[in-house]
Amino acid sequence: MSNNLREYASMNSIERMMVTAFCGGKFGDAVQITIDGVYCGLAENQVKDLILTLQARIDHHPSYLATGPDIDVMVMPKEAE
């Protein structure tokens, strides 16, 4: 089962991004991000990290400004607890 949660139109093109909830099995509450038919499934731990990362960006945390140096953190999927 899956549930399309949101669809976002791009600011500067005709592409769209969709966010879909799906059963991630051992990876917990998973989310699929789809941009023009290309999708990426994120495990629950990755979804939580993405939420924190986007919130830091919106909160203007100095390390998350557009002009800051790249943070380059890779978050691997892990089994949910």
N, C-alpha and C. Protein backbone atom coordinates (compact mmCIF):
# COMPACT_ATOMS: atom_id res chain seq x y z
N MET A 1 0.84 -1.18 0.00
CA MET A 1 0.00 0.00 0.00
C MET A 1 0.88 1.24 0.00
N SER A 2 0.35 2.30 -0.54
CA SER A 2 1.04 3.59 -0.52
C SER A 2 0.00 4.70 -0.50
N ASN A 3 0.45 5.88 -0.14
CA ASN A 3 -0.43 7.03 -0.03
C ASN A 3 0.33 8.25 -0.50
N ASN A 4 -0.10 8.88 -1.60
CA ASN A 4 0.54 10.11 -2.07
C ASN A 4 0.21 11.23 -1.09
N LEU A 5 1.22 11.77 -0.44
CA LEU A 5 1.03 12.79 0.58
C LEU A 5 1.02 14.21 0.01
N ARG A 6 1.94 14.49 -0.89
CA ARG A 6 2.04 15.83 -1.45
C ARG A 6 2.59 15.76 -2.87
N GLU A 7 2.27 16.82 -3.64
CA GLU A 7 2.88 17.03 -4.95
C GLU A 7 3.33 18.48 -4.98
N TYR A 8 4.57 18.70 -5.41
CA TYR A 8 5.14 20.05 -5.45
C TYR A 8 5.55 20.39 -6.88
N ALA A 9 5.14 21.56 -7.34
CA ALA A 9 5.61 22.06 -8.64
C ALA A 9 6.94 22.75 -8.41
N SER A 10 7.85 22.59 -9.34
CA SER A 10 9.17 23.22 -9.25
C SER A 10 9.06 24.73 -9.45
N MET A 11 9.97 25.47 -8.83
CA MET A 11 9.98 26.94 -8.96
C MET A 11 10.35 27.39 -10.37
N ASN A 12 11.21 26.64 -11.05
CA ASN A 12 11.75 27.15 -12.30
C ASN A 12 11.70 26.16 -13.46
N SER A 13 10.79 25.22 -13.40
CA SER A 13 10.64 24.31 -14.54
C SER A 13 9.28 23.62 -14.43
N ILE A 14 9.04 22.71 -15.34
CA ILE A 14 7.75 22.03 -15.33
C ILE A 14 7.78 20.73 -14.52
N GLU A 15 8.96 20.38 -13.97
CA GLU A 15 9.05 19.16 -13.19
C GLU A 15 8.22 19.25 -11.92
N ARG A 16 7.83 18.08 -11.42
CA ARG A 16 7.08 18.01 -10.17
C ARG A 16 7.74 16.98 -9.27
N MET A 17 7.56 17.20 -7.99
CA MET A 17 8.06 16.25 -7.00
C MET A 17 6.88 15.74 -6.21
N MET A 18 6.84 14.43 -6.04
CA MET A 18 5.78 13.81 -5.24
C MET A 18 6.39 13.14 -4.02
N VAL A 19 5.66 13.19 -2.92
CA VAL A 19 6.07 12.52 -1.68
C VAL A 19 5.00 11.47 -1.38
N THR A 20 5.43 10.22 -1.29
CA THR A 20 4.51 9.10 -1.11
C THR A 20 4.93 8.27 0.10
N ALA A 21 3.99 8.01 0.99
CA ALA A 21 4.23 7.11 2.11
C ALA A 21 4.07 5.68 1.62
N PHE A 22 4.97 4.79 2.06
CA PHE A 22 4.80 3.38 1.73
C PHE A 22 5.33 2.51 2.86
N CYS A 23 4.94 1.27 2.86
CA CYS A 23 5.37 0.34 3.90
C CYS A 23 6.83 -0.01 3.68
N GLY A 24 7.66 0.35 4.63
CA GLY A 24 9.09 0.11 4.49
C GLY A 24 9.57 -1.18 5.12
N GLY A 25 8.62 -1.99 5.64
CA GLY A 25 9.02 -3.26 6.25
C GLY A 25 9.97 -3.02 7.41
N LYS A 26 11.11 -3.70 7.39
CA LYS A 26 12.07 -3.58 8.48
C LYS A 26 12.69 -2.18 8.59
N PHE A 27 12.50 -1.35 7.56
CA PHE A 27 13.04 0.02 7.57
C PHE A 27 12.05 1.04 8.12
N GLY A 28 10.90 0.59 8.59
CA GLY A 28 9.95 1.46 9.27
C GLY A 28 9.05 2.24 8.33
N ASP A 29 8.64 3.42 8.80
CA ASP A 29 7.73 4.29 8.04
C ASP A 29 8.52 4.97 6.92
N ALA A 30 8.47 4.40 5.75
CA ALA A 30 9.27 4.86 4.62
C ALA A 30 8.53 5.90 3.79
N VAL A 31 9.30 6.66 3.03
CA VAL A 31 8.76 7.68 2.13
C VAL A 31 9.48 7.56 0.79
N GLN A 32 8.72 7.71 -0.27
CA GLN A 32 9.29 7.73 -1.61
C GLN A 32 9.20 9.15 -2.13
N ILE A 33 10.32 9.68 -2.60
CA ILE A 33 10.37 10.98 -3.26
C ILE A 33 10.49 10.70 -4.76
N THR A 34 9.58 11.25 -5.55
CA THR A 34 9.60 11.03 -6.99
C THR A 34 9.70 12.37 -7.70
N ILE A 35 10.68 12.50 -8.58
CA ILE A 35 10.83 13.70 -9.39
C ILE A 35 10.79 13.27 -10.85
N ASP A 36 9.74 13.67 -11.53
CA ASP A 36 9.52 13.32 -12.94
C ASP A 36 9.78 11.84 -13.23
N GLY A 37 9.18 10.98 -12.45
CA GLY A 37 9.25 9.55 -12.69
C GLY A 37 10.47 8.85 -12.14
N VAL A 38 11.42 9.59 -11.60
CA VAL A 38 12.60 8.99 -10.98
C VAL A 38 12.39 9.04 -9.47
N TYR A 39 12.45 7.89 -8.84
CA TYR A 39 12.10 7.86 -7.42
C TYR A 39 13.25 7.39 -6.55
N CYS A 40 13.15 7.78 -5.28
CA CYS A 40 14.12 7.40 -4.26
C CYS A 40 13.34 7.05 -3.00
N GLY A 41 13.51 5.82 -2.52
CA GLY A 41 12.86 5.40 -1.29
C GLY A 41 13.75 5.70 -0.10
N LEU A 42 13.19 6.33 0.92
CA LEU A 42 13.94 6.67 2.12
C LEU A 42 13.41 5.87 3.31
N ALA A 43 14.32 5.28 4.08
CA ALA A 43 13.96 4.57 5.31
C ALA A 43 13.56 5.59 6.37
N GLU A 44 12.92 5.12 7.42
CA GLU A 44 12.44 6.00 8.49
C GLU A 44 13.56 6.87 9.07
N ASN A 45 14.74 6.31 9.30
CA ASN A 45 15.84 7.12 9.85
C ASN A 45 16.26 8.23 8.88
N GLN A 46 16.19 7.95 7.58
CA GLN A 46 16.54 8.97 6.59
C GLN A 46 15.48 10.06 6.52
N VAL A 47 14.22 9.67 6.67
CA VAL A 47 13.13 10.65 6.68
C VAL A 47 13.30 11.59 7.87
N LYS A 48 13.60 11.04 9.04
CA LYS A 48 13.81 11.86 10.23
C LYS A 48 14.98 12.82 10.05
N ASP A 49 16.06 12.33 9.46
CA ASP A 49 17.21 13.19 9.20
C ASP A 49 16.88 14.29 8.21
N LEU A 50 16.12 13.95 7.17
CA LEU A 50 15.72 14.94 6.18
C LEU A 50 14.88 16.04 6.83
N ILE A 51 13.97 15.66 7.71
CA ILE A 51 13.14 16.63 8.42
C ILE A 51 14.03 17.59 9.21
N LEU A 52 14.98 17.05 9.96
CA LEU A 52 15.88 17.89 10.76
C LEU A 52 16.75 18.80 9.87
N THR A 53 17.20 18.25 8.75
CA THR A 53 18.04 19.02 7.83
C THR A 53 17.26 20.18 7.22
N LEU A 54 16.05 19.91 6.75
CA LEU A 54 15.23 20.98 6.16
C LEU A 54 14.84 22.02 7.21
N GLN A 55 14.56 21.57 8.43
CA GLN A 55 14.22 22.52 9.49
C GLN A 55 15.41 23.42 9.81
N ALA A 56 16.62 22.86 9.84
CA ALA A 56 17.82 23.67 10.07
C ALA A 56 17.99 24.70 8.95
N ARG A 57 17.70 24.32 7.73
CA ARG A 57 17.78 25.25 6.59
C ARG A 57 16.79 26.39 6.76
N ILE A 58 15.55 26.07 7.08
CA ILE A 58 14.50 27.09 7.23
C ILE A 58 14.77 27.98 8.44
N ASP A 59 15.41 27.42 9.47
CA ASP A 59 15.74 28.19 10.68
C ASP A 59 17.01 29.03 10.51
N HIS A 60 17.59 29.02 9.33
CA HIS A 60 18.80 29.81 9.01
C HIS A 60 19.99 29.44 9.88
N HIS A 61 20.10 28.16 10.21
CA HIS A 61 21.28 27.70 10.95
C HIS A 61 22.51 28.01 10.10
N PRO A 62 23.56 28.61 10.69
CA PRO A 62 24.72 29.05 9.90
C PRO A 62 25.32 27.97 9.00
N SER A 63 25.34 26.74 9.44
CA SER A 63 25.93 25.67 8.62
C SER A 63 25.07 25.29 7.43
N TYR A 64 23.82 25.75 7.41
CA TYR A 64 22.88 25.34 6.37
C TYR A 64 22.51 26.45 5.41
N LEU A 65 23.28 27.53 5.41
CA LEU A 65 23.04 28.62 4.47
C LEU A 65 23.51 28.21 3.08
N ALA A 66 22.93 28.81 2.06
CA ALA A 66 23.29 28.48 0.68
C ALA A 66 24.75 28.80 0.37
N THR A 67 25.33 29.73 1.11
CA THR A 67 26.71 30.13 0.85
C THR A 67 27.71 29.41 1.75
N GLY A 68 27.24 28.49 2.59
CA GLY A 68 28.13 27.76 3.48
C GLY A 68 28.88 26.66 2.75
N PRO A 69 29.92 26.13 3.41
CA PRO A 69 30.64 25.00 2.81
C PRO A 69 29.77 23.75 2.83
N ASP A 70 30.00 22.86 1.89
CA ASP A 70 29.23 21.62 1.82
C ASP A 70 29.42 20.81 3.10
N ILE A 71 28.33 20.26 3.59
CA ILE A 71 28.38 19.42 4.79
C ILE A 71 28.68 17.97 4.38
N ASP A 72 28.11 17.52 3.28
CA ASP A 72 28.39 16.19 2.70
C ASP A 72 28.28 15.05 3.70
N VAL A 73 27.11 14.87 4.27
CA VAL A 73 26.86 13.74 5.17
C VAL A 73 26.02 12.72 4.41
N MET A 74 26.46 11.47 4.40
CA MET A 74 25.69 10.39 3.79
C MET A 74 24.92 9.67 4.89
N VAL A 75 23.59 9.59 4.75
CA VAL A 75 22.75 8.90 5.72
C VAL A 75 22.25 7.62 5.08
N MET A 76 22.72 6.51 5.59
CA MET A 76 22.37 5.20 5.05
C MET A 76 21.07 4.71 5.69
N PRO A 77 20.28 3.91 4.97
CA PRO A 77 19.08 3.35 5.58
C PRO A 77 19.47 2.34 6.67
N LYS A 78 18.69 2.34 7.76
CA LYS A 78 18.91 1.33 8.79
C LYS A 78 17.56 0.79 9.24
N GLU A 79 17.60 -0.38 9.81
CA GLU A 79 16.37 -1.01 10.27
C GLU A 79 15.76 -0.20 11.41
N ALA A 80 14.44 -0.06 11.39
CA ALA A 80 13.73 0.66 12.42
C ALA A 80 13.79 -0.11 13.73
N GLU A 81 13.73 0.64 14.81
CA GLU A 81 13.78 0.00 16.14
C GLU A 81 12.40 -0.36 16.61
